[in-house]
Amino acid sequence: MEAEVIKAELVLPTHMSFKRIQMYEKYPKGQSKVRWKQLKQILQAENCQNYSPDEPNYVNIESPPSMQPCKRICDITGFEAPYHDPRTNLRYANADVFKLVRSLPNEYVQRYLALRKAAVVL
């Protein structure tokens, strides 16, 4: 019977190659080998002092404006919104959200527009 067990261990490997190795199996004491770099280390590696002042990097966060058009996001759901309601000026993603937008009171509409900094004071 022991011979059968030994043969079975030879056939089946202890670690399946398709299985993902868990961290507790790889590092049993809970010590991970991942070292996070601090910001100072990143800046030293980048040699930011060699760049021109106009070039964006970690030190100089100012950069030219994007050439891509801004994405229009639904004010209610947060999905991309191809439509906007001409009456309330809220953006919406689909017909269900449009029904909700039309049923909102004016106070809520103004609050949603204020979040987008598009509020109109009447």
Protein backbone atom coordinates (compact mmCIF):
# COMPACT_ATOMS: atom_id res chain seq x y z
CA MET A 1 0.00 0.00 0.00
CA GLU A 2 2.87 2.40 0.73
CA ALA A 3 4.26 1.75 -2.73
CA GLU A 4 1.01 2.99 -4.24
CA VAL A 5 1.21 6.20 -2.19
CA ILE A 6 4.80 6.82 -3.29
CA LYS A 7 3.85 6.27 -6.95
CA ALA A 8 0.93 8.68 -6.59
CA GLU A 9 3.22 11.39 -5.21
CA LEU A 10 5.56 10.91 -8.13
CA VAL A 11 2.74 11.32 -10.61
CA LEU A 12 1.11 14.38 -9.04
CA PRO A 13 3.37 17.36 -8.35
CA THR A 14 2.98 19.14 -5.04
CA HIS A 15 2.36 22.47 -6.79
CA MET A 16 0.12 22.75 -9.82
CA SER A 17 1.60 25.08 -12.43
CA PHE A 18 -1.78 26.63 -13.23
CA LYS A 19 -2.49 27.55 -9.62
CA ARG A 20 -1.52 30.94 -8.37
CA ILE A 21 1.00 30.87 -5.52
CA GLN A 22 -0.40 32.53 -2.43
CA MET A 23 1.74 34.94 -0.44
CA TYR A 24 1.49 32.84 2.72
CA GLU A 25 2.86 29.85 0.78
CA LYS A 26 5.67 31.84 -0.75
CA TYR A 27 6.64 33.72 2.42
CA PRO A 28 5.46 31.64 5.39
CA LYS A 29 6.38 34.11 8.15
CA GLY A 30 4.32 36.92 6.63
CA GLN A 31 7.33 38.82 5.39
CA SER A 32 6.91 40.00 1.85
CA LYS A 33 9.91 40.77 -0.32
CA VAL A 34 8.24 43.76 -2.00
CA ARG A 35 10.08 46.97 -1.25
CA TRP A 36 8.14 50.18 -1.84
CA LYS A 37 10.13 53.15 -3.03
CA GLN A 38 9.74 56.43 -1.23
CA LEU A 39 9.14 59.65 -3.17
CA LYS A 40 12.71 60.81 -2.54
CA GLN A 41 14.06 57.62 -4.08
CA ILE A 42 11.84 58.05 -7.14
CA LEU A 43 12.99 61.66 -7.56
CA GLN A 44 16.64 60.67 -7.29
CA ALA A 45 16.17 57.92 -9.87
CA GLU A 46 14.39 60.30 -12.25
CA ASN A 47 17.15 62.95 -12.10
CA CYS A 48 14.53 65.70 -12.14
CA GLN A 49 17.10 68.47 -11.89
CA ASN A 50 18.30 67.61 -15.43
CA TYR A 51 14.90 68.29 -16.99
CA SER A 52 13.83 71.64 -18.34
CA PRO A 53 11.32 73.57 -16.18
CA ASP A 54 8.62 73.28 -18.87
CA GLU A 55 8.70 69.48 -18.98
CA PRO A 56 6.20 67.79 -16.61
CA ASN A 57 7.62 65.37 -14.02
CA TYR A 58 7.08 64.42 -10.35
CA VAL A 59 8.44 67.72 -9.06
CA ASN A 60 6.74 70.03 -11.54
CA ILE A 61 3.08 69.03 -11.68
CA GLU A 62 2.11 71.80 -14.03
CA SER A 63 1.62 70.55 -17.55
CA PRO A 64 -0.02 71.90 -20.68
CA PRO A 65 -3.75 71.36 -21.09
CA SER A 66 -4.89 68.08 -22.59
CA MET A 67 -5.66 68.02 -26.29
CA GLN A 68 -8.31 65.33 -25.77
CA PRO A 69 -11.91 66.45 -25.26
CA CYS A 70 -13.17 65.99 -21.72
CA LYS A 71 -15.43 63.02 -21.06
CA ARG A 72 -19.05 63.76 -20.32
CA ILE A 73 -20.14 61.84 -17.25
CA CYS A 74 -23.71 61.16 -16.15
CA ASP A 75 -24.60 63.35 -13.18
CA ILE A 76 -26.67 60.59 -11.56
CA THR A 77 -24.88 57.28 -12.23
CA GLY A 78 -21.30 58.23 -13.09
CA PHE A 79 -21.31 56.37 -16.42
CA GLU A 80 -20.32 58.00 -19.68
CA ALA A 81 -23.22 60.19 -20.80
CA PRO A 82 -23.84 60.86 -24.47
CA TYR A 83 -27.05 62.82 -23.75
CA HIS A 84 -28.11 65.89 -21.80
CA ASP A 85 -31.53 67.16 -20.84
CA PRO A 86 -32.16 70.60 -22.40
CA ARG A 87 -34.60 71.58 -19.65
CA THR A 88 -32.42 70.82 -16.63
CA ASN A 89 -29.01 70.67 -18.37
CA LEU A 90 -28.21 67.42 -16.48
CA ARG A 91 -26.31 64.71 -18.31
CA TYR A 92 -27.75 61.21 -18.42
CA ALA A 93 -26.65 57.80 -19.72
CA ASN A 94 -29.87 56.02 -20.71
CA ALA A 95 -33.67 56.26 -20.75
CA ASP A 96 -34.12 55.03 -17.17
CA VAL A 97 -31.89 57.80 -15.85
CA PHE A 98 -33.72 60.30 -18.08
CA LYS A 99 -37.01 59.42 -16.36
CA LEU A 100 -35.34 60.00 -13.00
CA VAL A 101 -33.86 63.33 -14.15
CA ARG A 102 -37.27 64.56 -15.28
CA SER A 103 -38.85 63.58 -11.95
CA LEU A 104 -36.29 65.41 -9.80
CA PRO A 105 -37.37 68.62 -8.04
CA ASN A 106 -35.60 71.84 -9.02
CA GLU A 107 -33.67 71.97 -5.74
CA TYR A 108 -32.04 68.59 -6.43
CA VAL A 109 -31.24 69.58 -10.01
CA GLN A 110 -29.43 72.68 -8.75
CA ARG A 111 -27.46 70.55 -6.29
CA TYR A 112 -26.35 68.13 -9.03
CA LEU A 113 -25.33 71.05 -11.22
CA ALA A 114 -23.43 72.62 -8.32
CA LEU A 115 -21.41 69.42 -7.94
CA ARG A 116 -20.36 69.79 -11.58
CA LYS A 117 -19.83 73.54 -11.08
CA ALA A 118 -22.47 74.25 -13.73
CA ALA A 119 -25.15 75.64 -11.43
CA VAL A 120 -27.23 78.54 -12.68
CA VAL A 121 -28.71 80.79 -10.04
CA LEU A 122 -32.27 81.75 -10.98
